N, C-alpha and C. Protein backbone atom coordinates (compact mmCIF):
# COMPACT_ATOMS: atom_id res chain seq x y z
N UNK A 1 9.31 -8.90 -15.10
CA UNK A 1 8.09 -9.33 -14.32
C UNK A 1 8.34 -9.11 -12.87
N UNK A 2 7.11 -8.71 -12.15
CA UNK A 2 7.19 -8.34 -10.76
C UNK A 2 5.96 -9.21 -10.04
N UNK A 3 6.26 -10.10 -9.20
CA UNK A 3 5.12 -10.62 -8.32
C UNK A 3 5.03 -10.16 -6.91
N UNK A 4 3.89 -9.78 -6.55
CA UNK A 4 3.66 -9.02 -5.21
C UNK A 4 2.83 -9.80 -4.40
N UNK A 5 3.21 -9.84 -3.03
CA UNK A 5 2.49 -10.63 -2.03
C UNK A 5 2.31 -9.75 -0.71
N UNK A 6 1.08 -9.38 -0.27
CA UNK A 6 0.75 -8.48 0.71
C UNK A 6 0.77 -9.41 2.18
N UNK A 7 0.91 -8.76 3.23
CA UNK A 7 0.72 -9.35 4.55
C UNK A 7 0.70 -8.36 5.42
N UNK A 8 0.20 -8.72 6.82
CA UNK A 8 0.18 -7.75 7.99
C UNK A 8 -1.18 -7.38 8.30
N UNK A 9 -2.28 -7.58 7.28
CA UNK A 9 -3.61 -7.21 7.70
C UNK A 9 -4.03 -7.86 8.96
N UNK A 10 -5.21 -7.41 9.53
CA UNK A 10 -5.79 -8.07 10.60
C UNK A 10 -6.95 -7.10 11.24
N UNK A 11 -7.31 -7.50 12.57
CA UNK A 11 -8.48 -6.82 13.11
C UNK A 11 -7.67 -5.95 14.15
N UNK A 12 -8.15 -4.69 14.25
CA UNK A 12 -7.41 -3.63 15.06
C UNK A 12 -8.62 -2.74 15.66
N UNK A 13 -8.49 -2.25 16.74
CA UNK A 13 -9.46 -1.37 17.22
C UNK A 13 -9.19 0.13 16.71
N UNK A 14 -10.06 0.87 16.67
CA UNK A 14 -10.19 2.25 16.20
C UNK A 14 -9.14 2.79 17.06
N UNK A 15 -8.08 3.63 16.55
CA UNK A 15 -7.15 4.38 17.20
C UNK A 15 -5.76 3.46 17.14
N UNK A 16 -5.97 2.22 16.74
CA UNK A 16 -4.81 1.42 16.95
C UNK A 16 -3.83 1.39 15.62
N UNK A 17 -2.79 0.68 15.35
CA UNK A 17 -1.84 0.66 14.36
C UNK A 17 -1.70 -0.60 13.85
N UNK A 18 -1.38 -0.76 12.39
CA UNK A 18 -0.93 -1.93 11.78
C UNK A 18 0.23 -1.58 10.86
N UNK A 19 0.98 -2.53 10.45
CA UNK A 19 1.95 -2.32 9.31
C UNK A 19 1.74 -3.40 8.35
N UNK A 20 1.51 -2.94 7.15
CA UNK A 20 1.44 -3.77 6.02
C UNK A 20 2.71 -4.04 5.29
N UNK A 21 3.02 -5.08 4.86
CA UNK A 21 4.08 -5.37 3.92
C UNK A 21 3.66 -5.75 2.51
N UNK A 22 4.52 -5.76 1.53
CA UNK A 22 4.34 -6.20 0.25
C UNK A 22 5.74 -6.52 -0.23
N UNK A 23 5.75 -7.98 -0.38
CA UNK A 23 6.99 -8.53 -0.68
C UNK A 23 7.07 -8.67 -2.18
N UNK A 24 8.12 -8.43 -3.05
CA UNK A 24 8.17 -8.47 -4.34
C UNK A 24 9.13 -9.39 -4.80
N UNK A 25 8.91 -10.04 -5.79
CA UNK A 25 9.97 -10.94 -6.60
C UNK A 25 10.38 -10.25 -7.76
N UNK A 26 11.52 -10.68 -8.23
CA UNK A 26 12.18 -10.11 -9.35
C UNK A 26 13.41 -9.14 -8.92
N UNK A 27 14.40 -9.14 -9.86
CA UNK A 27 15.53 -8.55 -9.51
C UNK A 27 15.47 -7.07 -9.74
N UNK A 28 14.47 -6.66 -10.58
CA UNK A 28 14.30 -5.32 -11.02
C UNK A 28 13.42 -4.47 -10.01
N UNK A 29 13.06 -5.03 -8.91
CA UNK A 29 12.18 -4.39 -7.80
C UNK A 29 12.47 -2.81 -7.57
N UNK A 30 13.73 -2.75 -7.43
CA UNK A 30 14.11 -1.29 -7.08
C UNK A 30 13.85 -0.25 -8.17
N UNK A 31 13.70 -0.76 -9.39
CA UNK A 31 13.48 0.23 -10.44
C UNK A 31 11.96 0.76 -10.50
N UNK A 32 11.09 0.13 -9.78
CA UNK A 32 9.71 0.41 -9.89
C UNK A 32 9.15 1.42 -8.51
N UNK A 33 8.50 2.39 -9.06
CA UNK A 33 7.62 2.99 -8.19
C UNK A 33 6.60 2.09 -7.57
N UNK A 34 6.15 2.17 -6.27
CA UNK A 34 5.24 1.27 -5.67
C UNK A 34 4.08 1.96 -5.05
N UNK A 35 3.09 1.31 -4.96
CA UNK A 35 1.94 1.99 -4.22
C UNK A 35 0.90 1.07 -3.51
N UNK A 36 0.16 1.71 -2.72
CA UNK A 36 -0.96 1.00 -2.08
C UNK A 36 -2.43 1.63 -2.44
N UNK A 37 -3.32 0.56 -2.62
CA UNK A 37 -4.69 0.93 -2.91
C UNK A 37 -5.48 0.32 -1.76
N UNK A 38 -6.71 0.79 -1.63
CA UNK A 38 -7.60 -0.16 -0.80
C UNK A 38 -9.00 0.04 -1.64
N UNK A 39 -9.74 -1.16 -1.09
CA UNK A 39 -11.20 -1.36 -1.57
C UNK A 39 -11.93 -1.88 -0.59
N UNK A 40 -12.99 -0.93 -0.19
CA UNK A 40 -13.97 -1.16 0.83
C UNK A 40 -15.16 -1.74 0.21
N UNK A 41 -15.95 -2.66 0.82
CA UNK A 41 -17.17 -3.35 0.35
C UNK A 41 -18.11 -2.36 -0.33
N UNK A 42 -18.47 -2.57 -1.63
CA UNK A 42 -19.41 -1.78 -2.23
C UNK A 42 -18.76 -0.49 -2.84
N UNK A 43 -17.48 -0.45 -2.71
CA UNK A 43 -16.81 0.89 -3.22
C UNK A 43 -15.71 0.59 -4.29
N UNK A 44 -15.28 1.53 -5.11
CA UNK A 44 -14.35 1.38 -6.10
C UNK A 44 -12.91 1.33 -5.33
N UNK A 45 -12.07 0.62 -5.92
CA UNK A 45 -10.63 0.70 -5.49
C UNK A 45 -10.14 2.09 -5.57
N UNK A 46 -9.37 2.55 -4.49
CA UNK A 46 -8.95 3.99 -4.25
C UNK A 46 -7.48 3.78 -3.98
N UNK A 47 -6.67 4.99 -4.63
CA UNK A 47 -5.41 5.18 -4.10
C UNK A 47 -5.29 5.62 -2.85
N UNK A 48 -4.09 5.07 -2.13
CA UNK A 48 -3.92 5.39 -0.67
C UNK A 48 -2.46 6.16 -0.59
N UNK A 49 -1.43 5.51 -1.06
CA UNK A 49 -0.26 6.06 -1.11
C UNK A 49 0.84 5.34 -2.19
N UNK A 50 1.93 6.22 -2.40
CA UNK A 50 2.71 5.79 -3.51
C UNK A 50 4.17 6.25 -3.06
N UNK A 51 5.13 5.52 -3.70
CA UNK A 51 6.55 5.91 -3.20
C UNK A 51 7.49 5.82 -4.52
N UNK A 52 8.37 6.66 -4.65
CA UNK A 52 9.16 6.50 -5.94
C UNK A 52 10.28 5.30 -5.81
N UNK A 53 10.95 5.16 -6.69
CA UNK A 53 12.04 4.11 -6.77
C UNK A 53 12.95 4.11 -5.62
N UNK A 54 13.33 5.27 -5.41
CA UNK A 54 14.47 5.45 -4.29
C UNK A 54 13.83 5.57 -2.90
N UNK A 55 12.62 5.90 -2.64
CA UNK A 55 12.13 6.14 -1.48
C UNK A 55 12.00 7.46 -1.00
N UNK A 56 12.63 8.37 -1.81
CA UNK A 56 12.68 9.96 -1.49
C UNK A 56 11.58 10.66 -1.48
N UNK A 57 10.60 10.22 -2.39
CA UNK A 57 9.41 10.98 -2.67
C UNK A 57 8.13 10.05 -2.28
N UNK A 58 7.21 10.65 -1.61
CA UNK A 58 6.01 9.90 -1.15
C UNK A 58 4.89 10.76 -1.38
N UNK A 59 3.59 10.10 -1.70
CA UNK A 59 2.45 10.70 -2.04
C UNK A 59 1.26 9.92 -1.25
N UNK A 60 0.29 10.78 -0.84
CA UNK A 60 -0.84 10.16 -0.02
C UNK A 60 -2.06 10.88 -0.59
N UNK A 61 -3.14 10.17 -0.32
CA UNK A 61 -4.45 10.49 -0.48
C UNK A 61 -4.77 11.38 0.83
N UNK A 62 -5.50 12.51 0.78
CA UNK A 62 -5.73 13.31 1.79
C UNK A 62 -6.13 12.81 3.26
N UNK A 63 -7.07 11.70 3.02
CA UNK A 63 -7.59 11.18 3.99
C UNK A 63 -6.67 10.41 5.06
N UNK A 64 -5.64 10.18 4.43
CA UNK A 64 -4.46 9.41 5.42
C UNK A 64 -3.31 10.09 5.70
N UNK A 65 -3.10 11.32 5.20
CA UNK A 65 -2.13 12.31 5.42
C UNK A 65 -1.94 12.30 6.83
N UNK A 66 -0.72 12.29 7.38
CA UNK A 66 -0.54 12.41 8.82
C UNK A 66 -0.61 11.09 9.61
N UNK A 67 -1.36 10.13 9.04
CA UNK A 67 -1.77 8.86 9.81
C UNK A 67 -0.97 7.76 9.28
N UNK A 68 -0.65 7.77 7.77
CA UNK A 68 -0.12 6.54 7.14
C UNK A 68 1.28 6.84 6.64
N UNK A 69 2.40 6.10 6.62
CA UNK A 69 3.59 6.34 6.11
C UNK A 69 3.95 5.10 5.28
N UNK A 70 4.18 5.38 3.98
CA UNK A 70 4.69 4.41 3.01
C UNK A 70 6.22 4.56 2.94
N UNK A 71 6.75 3.33 2.80
CA UNK A 71 8.43 3.29 3.01
C UNK A 71 8.83 1.95 2.05
N UNK A 72 9.92 1.98 1.77
CA UNK A 72 10.50 0.69 1.10
C UNK A 72 11.95 0.44 1.45
N UNK A 73 12.28 -0.93 1.41
CA UNK A 73 13.51 -1.46 1.57
C UNK A 73 13.87 -2.18 0.45
N UNK A 74 14.61 -1.62 -0.44
CA UNK A 74 15.08 -2.24 -1.70
C UNK A 74 16.01 -3.39 -1.58
N UNK A 75 16.70 -3.44 -0.49
CA UNK A 75 17.42 -4.71 -0.14
C UNK A 75 16.57 -5.74 0.11
N UNK A 76 15.41 -5.67 0.71
CA UNK A 76 14.56 -6.70 1.18
C UNK A 76 13.50 -6.82 0.10
N UNK A 77 13.50 -5.99 -1.10
CA UNK A 77 12.38 -6.26 -2.01
C UNK A 77 11.02 -6.09 -1.33
N UNK A 78 10.83 -4.99 -0.58
CA UNK A 78 9.72 -4.98 0.19
C UNK A 78 9.32 -3.40 0.43
N UNK A 79 7.83 -3.31 0.29
CA UNK A 79 7.30 -1.79 0.45
C UNK A 79 6.43 -1.99 1.72
N UNK A 80 6.29 -1.03 2.43
CA UNK A 80 5.52 -0.94 3.88
C UNK A 80 4.52 -0.04 3.84
N UNK A 81 3.47 -0.24 4.46
CA UNK A 81 2.41 0.98 4.86
C UNK A 81 2.23 0.82 6.38
N UNK A 82 2.71 1.84 6.98
CA UNK A 82 2.43 1.93 8.43
C UNK A 82 1.07 2.72 8.58
N UNK A 83 0.31 2.15 9.17
CA UNK A 83 -1.06 2.70 9.38
C UNK A 83 -1.28 3.11 10.79
N UNK A 84 -1.28 4.39 11.37
CA UNK A 84 -1.56 4.88 12.80
C UNK A 84 -2.99 5.30 12.85
N UNK A 85 -3.56 5.58 14.17
CA UNK A 85 -4.57 6.33 14.22
C UNK A 85 -5.59 5.82 13.32
N UNK A 86 -5.83 4.36 13.23
CA UNK A 86 -6.81 3.84 12.27
C UNK A 86 -8.30 4.30 12.72
N UNK A 87 -9.00 4.55 11.57
CA UNK A 87 -10.53 4.88 11.92
C UNK A 87 -11.32 3.67 11.34
N UNK A 88 -12.62 3.76 11.68
CA UNK A 88 -13.49 2.65 11.14
C UNK A 88 -13.59 2.65 9.52
N UNK A 89 -13.44 3.78 9.14
CA UNK A 89 -13.63 4.09 7.62
C UNK A 89 -12.33 3.54 6.92
N UNK A 90 -11.22 3.11 7.52
CA UNK A 90 -10.06 2.62 6.85
C UNK A 90 -10.23 1.14 6.62
N UNK A 91 -11.34 0.69 6.98
CA UNK A 91 -11.54 -0.85 6.77
C UNK A 91 -11.69 -1.18 5.42
N UNK A 92 -10.74 -1.99 4.96
CA UNK A 92 -10.84 -2.42 3.26
C UNK A 92 -9.92 -3.48 3.14
N UNK A 93 -9.88 -3.91 1.99
CA UNK A 93 -8.84 -5.03 1.46
C UNK A 93 -7.78 -4.08 0.85
N UNK A 94 -6.59 -4.27 1.32
CA UNK A 94 -5.41 -3.08 0.76
C UNK A 94 -4.69 -4.20 -0.18
N UNK A 95 -4.16 -3.32 -1.28
CA UNK A 95 -3.44 -3.86 -2.42
C UNK A 95 -2.14 -3.25 -2.62
N UNK A 96 -1.28 -3.96 -2.85
CA UNK A 96 0.01 -3.11 -3.39
C UNK A 96 0.05 -3.36 -4.83
N UNK A 97 0.79 -2.27 -5.47
CA UNK A 97 1.02 -2.21 -6.96
C UNK A 97 2.43 -1.73 -7.21
N UNK A 98 2.81 -2.11 -8.39
CA UNK A 98 4.07 -1.70 -8.96
C UNK A 98 3.70 -1.07 -10.39
N UNK A 99 4.54 -0.06 -10.87
CA UNK A 99 4.22 0.49 -12.21
C UNK A 99 5.53 1.11 -12.70
N UNK A 100 5.46 1.57 -13.93
CA UNK A 100 6.59 2.21 -14.60
C UNK A 100 6.92 3.39 -14.10
N UNK A 101 5.77 4.52 -13.71
CA UNK A 101 5.93 5.62 -13.08
C UNK A 101 5.13 5.86 -12.07
N UNK A 102 5.43 6.88 -11.06
CA UNK A 102 4.55 7.26 -10.11
C UNK A 102 3.23 7.61 -10.62
N UNK A 103 2.97 8.22 -11.45
CA UNK A 103 1.92 8.56 -12.05
C UNK A 103 0.97 7.37 -12.40
N UNK A 104 1.70 6.35 -12.90
CA UNK A 104 0.94 5.02 -13.39
C UNK A 104 0.41 4.32 -12.06
N UNK A 105 1.29 4.43 -10.91
CA UNK A 105 0.92 3.90 -9.73
C UNK A 105 -0.16 4.43 -9.08
N UNK A 106 -0.20 5.84 -9.20
CA UNK A 106 -1.30 6.58 -8.54
C UNK A 106 -2.62 6.32 -9.16
N UNK A 107 -2.59 6.08 -10.52
CA UNK A 107 -3.97 5.83 -11.10
C UNK A 107 -4.20 4.54 -11.34
N UNK A 108 -3.28 3.52 -10.88
CA UNK A 108 -3.55 2.12 -10.96
C UNK A 108 -3.35 1.58 -12.53
N UNK A 109 -2.60 2.30 -13.22
CA UNK A 109 -2.22 1.80 -14.64
C UNK A 109 -1.28 0.82 -14.62
N UNK A 110 -1.67 -0.37 -14.28
CA UNK A 110 -0.45 -1.37 -14.11
C UNK A 110 -1.11 -2.76 -14.16
N UNK A 111 -0.30 -3.94 -14.49
CA UNK A 111 -0.85 -5.20 -14.34
C UNK A 111 -0.35 -5.77 -13.15
N UNK A 112 0.67 -5.19 -12.31
CA UNK A 112 1.29 -5.77 -11.15
C UNK A 112 0.55 -5.38 -9.93
N UNK A 113 -0.21 -6.32 -9.43
CA UNK A 113 -1.02 -6.08 -8.25
C UNK A 113 -0.79 -7.38 -7.42
N UNK A 114 -0.72 -7.17 -5.96
CA UNK A 114 -0.76 -8.39 -5.20
C UNK A 114 -2.21 -8.70 -5.13
N UNK A 115 -2.51 -9.78 -4.15
CA UNK A 115 -3.75 -10.42 -4.00
C UNK A 115 -4.62 -9.74 -2.89
N UNK A 116 -3.87 -8.84 -2.09
CA UNK A 116 -4.79 -8.02 -1.19
C UNK A 116 -4.57 -8.69 0.16
N UNK A 117 -4.68 -7.86 1.19
CA UNK A 117 -4.92 -8.28 2.65
C UNK A 117 -5.89 -7.35 3.32
N UNK A 118 -6.66 -8.13 4.11
CA UNK A 118 -7.86 -7.49 4.79
C UNK A 118 -7.43 -6.70 6.00
N UNK A 119 -7.93 -5.43 6.05
CA UNK A 119 -7.68 -4.54 7.32
C UNK A 119 -9.15 -4.39 7.86
N UNK A 120 -9.38 -4.75 9.12
CA UNK A 120 -10.58 -4.66 9.66
C UNK A 120 -10.56 -3.83 11.01
N UNK A 121 -11.20 -2.66 11.10
CA UNK A 121 -11.09 -1.76 12.33
C UNK A 121 -12.49 -1.75 12.94
N UNK A 122 -12.47 -2.07 14.31
CA UNK A 122 -13.54 -2.23 15.10
C UNK A 122 -13.67 -0.87 15.89
N UNK A 123 -15.01 -0.49 15.94
CA UNK A 123 -15.29 0.98 16.65
C UNK A 123 -15.37 0.67 18.19
């Protein structure tokens, strides 16, 4: 079992930066690929980024490539999402997830989700 708790959201001006954190419980955290999704009002939840268990491989949706960076610290049971050059359209609730495979993370095929953290970008 893995329990996930996100933090780090907030209000930021367009062009600014935020770093989201997702703290995981459970001794098997390092075995799980992890990811970030987001959901804007009136829209479906969408994949943002994923990282494999070791942190060597990362994956991004095209709209955030070059601006967002996913990373993990297995010693701290934490995955991060560094968001730079934020745009108004990045405003959403951001969720982290964990799954058995990277593919499962990317399509959201898992029961392991955090509660979400709000990111608001002012223009």
